[in-house]
Amino acid sequence: MRWDQLFDDLEAQLGAQERRERDSEVADRTRRERAGVELAARFASAVGSELRLRLLSGTQVQGELLDLGEDWLLLELTTGREAVIPMRSVTGVLGLPARASSARTARRFALGYALRGLSRDRVAVAVTDTSGQVLTGTIDVVGADSLDLAEHALGESRRSENVRGRQTVPFWAVVLVEAR
């Protein structure tokens, strides 16, 4: 009788040790997998979700993530406007899923290509830079690493008599581009 109890106790201890080792291995694998997940993949899994972003300029924006590219996000803001946001200008995100989705990938083109679309369509924009300054006008030219903005009031069309000046803004300084 005593031997049966001893063997049962040893069997239970062995089972508990195996469970602890298995749980530890699962936790280790999970940590390794999460370590390889990039932020862009997590953004890709959030397409269609409501997010709140904190940006380099101190600005906070909230809206539905509509699309994303190699280095940019497209949000429909709660104001109803759409905004292109360089990923490198995001300093914090609320509402981002913990897991990444392999089913959805980002568009293969970079920020410059997305801004060229706004320039081509002659969309009036508000560009917020890293200092928090907001410039309004129409994007005239998009270079390899900067954009030229013909400054004018948002309610005015881009005509020479309405243009107050022409600003060149390097991409590294662009925090937010709202289509108006």
Protein backbone atom coordinates (compact mmCIF):
# COMPACT_ATOMS: atom_id res chain seq x y z
CA MET A 1 0.00 0.00 0.00
CA ARG A 2 2.78 2.45 0.90
CA TRP A 3 4.56 1.69 -2.36
CA ASP A 4 1.44 2.59 -4.39
CA GLN A 5 1.20 5.95 -2.66
CA LEU A 6 4.91 6.63 -3.19
CA PHE A 7 4.71 5.72 -6.90
CA ASP A 8 1.55 7.83 -7.35
CA ASP A 9 3.27 10.79 -5.69
CA LEU A 10 6.39 10.42 -7.86
CA GLU A 11 4.20 10.13 -11.00
CA ALA A 12 2.32 13.33 -10.05
CA GLN A 13 5.59 15.20 -9.45
CA LEU A 14 6.96 14.08 -12.83
CA GLY A 15 3.73 15.17 -14.58
CA ALA A 16 3.84 18.58 -12.89
CA GLN A 17 7.49 19.07 -13.90
CA GLU A 18 6.69 18.16 -17.54
CA ARG A 19 3.79 20.67 -17.57
CA ARG A 20 6.06 23.43 -16.19
CA GLU A 21 8.70 22.71 -18.84
CA ARG A 22 6.10 22.68 -21.63
CA ASP A 23 4.55 25.96 -20.39
CA SER A 24 8.01 27.53 -20.23
CA GLU A 25 8.79 26.38 -23.78
CA VAL A 26 5.49 27.78 -25.09
CA ALA A 27 6.15 31.12 -23.38
CA ASP A 28 9.67 31.20 -24.86
CA ARG A 29 8.40 30.49 -28.38
CA THR A 30 5.72 33.16 -28.02
CA ARG A 31 8.32 35.75 -26.95
CA ARG A 32 10.59 34.82 -29.89
CA GLU A 33 7.71 35.07 -32.37
CA ARG A 34 6.59 38.45 -31.03
CA ALA A 35 10.18 39.73 -31.18
CA GLY A 36 10.12 39.25 -34.95
CA VAL A 37 6.85 41.13 -35.55
CA GLU A 38 7.37 44.58 -37.03
CA LEU A 39 5.09 47.53 -36.31
CA ALA A 40 4.03 47.74 -39.98
CA ALA A 41 2.68 44.17 -39.78
CA ARG A 42 0.63 45.10 -36.74
CA PHE A 43 -0.70 48.16 -38.58
CA ALA A 44 -1.57 45.88 -41.52
CA SER A 45 -3.71 43.75 -39.21
CA ALA A 46 -5.51 46.90 -38.01
CA VAL A 47 -6.87 48.01 -41.41
CA GLY A 48 -10.52 48.87 -40.83
CA SER A 49 -9.95 49.53 -37.11
CA GLU A 50 -10.29 52.76 -35.16
CA LEU A 51 -6.90 54.01 -33.94
CA ARG A 52 -5.66 57.01 -32.01
CA LEU A 53 -2.15 58.14 -32.97
CA ARG A 54 0.22 60.42 -31.07
CA LEU A 55 2.57 62.17 -33.49
CA LEU A 56 6.06 63.75 -33.26
CA SER A 57 4.60 67.26 -33.28
CA GLY A 58 2.50 66.50 -30.20
CA THR A 59 -0.61 66.30 -32.37
CA GLN A 60 -3.08 63.50 -31.73
CA VAL A 61 -5.32 62.17 -34.48
CA GLN A 62 -8.03 59.56 -34.38
CA GLY A 63 -9.74 57.67 -37.15
CA GLU A 64 -10.17 54.50 -39.14
CA LEU A 65 -7.06 53.03 -40.70
CA LEU A 66 -7.97 52.74 -44.39
CA ASP A 67 -4.68 51.68 -45.95
CA LEU A 68 -0.93 51.66 -45.49
CA GLY A 69 2.20 51.57 -47.55
CA GLU A 70 5.84 50.85 -47.11
CA ASP A 71 6.32 53.80 -44.73
CA TRP A 72 2.94 55.58 -44.44
CA LEU A 73 -0.60 55.20 -43.10
CA LEU A 74 -3.89 56.48 -44.52
CA LEU A 75 -6.52 57.36 -41.93
CA GLU A 76 -10.05 58.63 -42.31
CA LEU A 77 -10.10 61.05 -39.40
CA THR A 78 -13.11 61.50 -37.16
CA THR A 79 -13.51 64.90 -38.87
CA GLY A 80 -14.29 63.06 -42.12
CA ARG A 81 -11.02 64.13 -43.78
CA GLU A 82 -8.36 61.72 -44.94
CA ALA A 83 -4.76 62.02 -43.79
CA VAL A 84 -1.46 60.51 -44.89
CA ILE A 85 0.88 59.95 -41.95
CA PRO A 86 4.51 58.83 -42.23
CA MET A 87 5.01 55.84 -39.90
CA ARG A 88 8.21 57.35 -38.51
CA SER A 89 6.18 60.31 -37.16
CA VAL A 90 4.03 58.05 -34.97
CA THR A 91 5.18 58.10 -31.35
CA GLY A 92 2.31 56.09 -29.88
CA VAL A 93 -0.79 54.14 -30.89
CA LEU A 94 -3.98 53.31 -29.03
CA GLY A 95 -6.12 50.49 -30.41
CA LEU A 96 -3.45 48.53 -32.28
CA PRO A 97 -3.94 44.73 -32.17
CA ALA A 98 -1.23 42.77 -30.36
CA ARG A 99 -0.91 40.30 -33.22
CA ALA A 100 0.09 40.78 -36.82
CA SER A 101 -1.84 39.46 -39.77
CA SER A 102 -0.04 37.70 -42.57
CA ALA A 103 -3.17 37.93 -44.75
CA ARG A 104 -2.83 41.69 -45.35
CA THR A 105 0.35 43.31 -46.58
CA ALA A 106 1.22 46.94 -47.06
CA ARG A 107 1.27 48.58 -50.45
CA ARG A 108 4.73 48.46 -51.93
CA PHE A 109 5.12 52.17 -52.61
CA ALA A 110 6.62 54.74 -50.28
CA LEU A 111 5.43 58.11 -48.97
CA GLY A 112 6.63 60.07 -52.01
CA TYR A 113 4.46 58.06 -54.35
CA ALA A 114 1.37 58.59 -52.15
CA LEU A 115 2.06 62.35 -52.05
CA ARG A 116 2.48 62.44 -55.84
CA GLY A 117 -1.14 61.25 -56.09
CA LEU A 118 -2.26 64.26 -54.04
CA SER A 119 -0.13 66.53 -56.21
CA ARG A 120 -1.48 65.06 -59.44
CA ASP A 121 -5.09 65.53 -58.28
CA ARG A 122 -4.33 69.12 -57.13
CA VAL A 123 -5.85 68.42 -53.71
CA ALA A 124 -5.66 71.24 -51.16
CA VAL A 125 -3.75 69.97 -48.11
CA ALA A 126 -2.71 70.97 -44.62
CA VAL A 127 0.84 69.80 -43.87
CA THR A 128 1.89 69.59 -40.22
CA ASP A 129 5.64 69.52 -39.61
CA THR A 130 7.68 68.29 -36.65
CA SER A 131 7.49 71.70 -34.94
CA GLY A 132 3.68 71.59 -35.04
CA GLN A 133 3.43 74.32 -37.68
CA VAL A 134 0.63 73.79 -40.21
CA LEU A 135 1.14 74.90 -43.81
CA THR A 136 -1.81 74.98 -46.20
CA GLY A 137 -1.87 74.89 -49.97
CA THR A 138 -1.35 72.54 -52.90
CA ILE A 139 1.57 70.19 -53.39
CA ASP A 140 3.28 71.30 -56.61
CA VAL A 141 6.28 68.98 -56.75
CA VAL A 142 7.25 65.80 -54.92
CA GLY A 143 10.95 64.99 -55.09
CA ALA A 144 12.90 62.02 -53.81
CA ASP A 145 12.99 63.33 -50.24
CA SER A 146 10.97 66.57 -50.13
CA LEU A 147 7.83 68.27 -51.36
CA ASP A 148 7.17 71.79 -52.62
CA LEU A 149 3.96 73.34 -51.36
CA ALA A 150 2.33 76.32 -53.07
CA GLU A 151 0.95 78.09 -49.99
CA HIS A 152 -2.58 79.45 -50.18
CA ALA A 153 -5.67 79.55 -47.99
CA LEU A 154 -7.64 76.31 -47.94
CA GLY A 155 -10.79 77.84 -49.42
CA GLU A 156 -8.92 79.25 -52.40
CA SER A 157 -7.89 77.49 -55.59
CA ARG A 158 -4.24 77.25 -56.58
CA ARG A 159 -3.98 80.29 -58.82
CA SER A 160 -0.93 82.54 -59.02
CA GLU A 161 -2.83 85.45 -57.42
CA ASN A 162 -3.75 83.26 -54.41
CA VAL A 163 -0.28 81.76 -53.84
CA ARG A 164 1.52 83.48 -50.94
CA GLY A 165 4.76 81.57 -51.30
CA ARG A 166 6.37 78.25 -52.01
CA GLN A 167 7.70 76.12 -49.17
CA THR A 168 9.99 73.15 -49.55
CA VAL A 169 9.43 70.59 -46.78
CA PRO A 170 11.80 67.62 -46.37
CA PHE A 171 10.02 64.31 -45.82
CA TRP A 172 11.76 63.84 -42.47
CA ALA A 173 9.90 66.96 -41.23
CA VAL A 174 6.43 65.88 -42.46
CA VAL A 175 4.25 64.60 -39.62
CA LEU A 176 0.75 64.75 -41.12
CA VAL A 177 -0.76 65.60 -44.53
CA GLU A 178 -4.53 66.19 -44.36
CA ALA A 179 -6.47 66.32 -47.61
CA ARG A 180 -8.98 69.15 -47.45
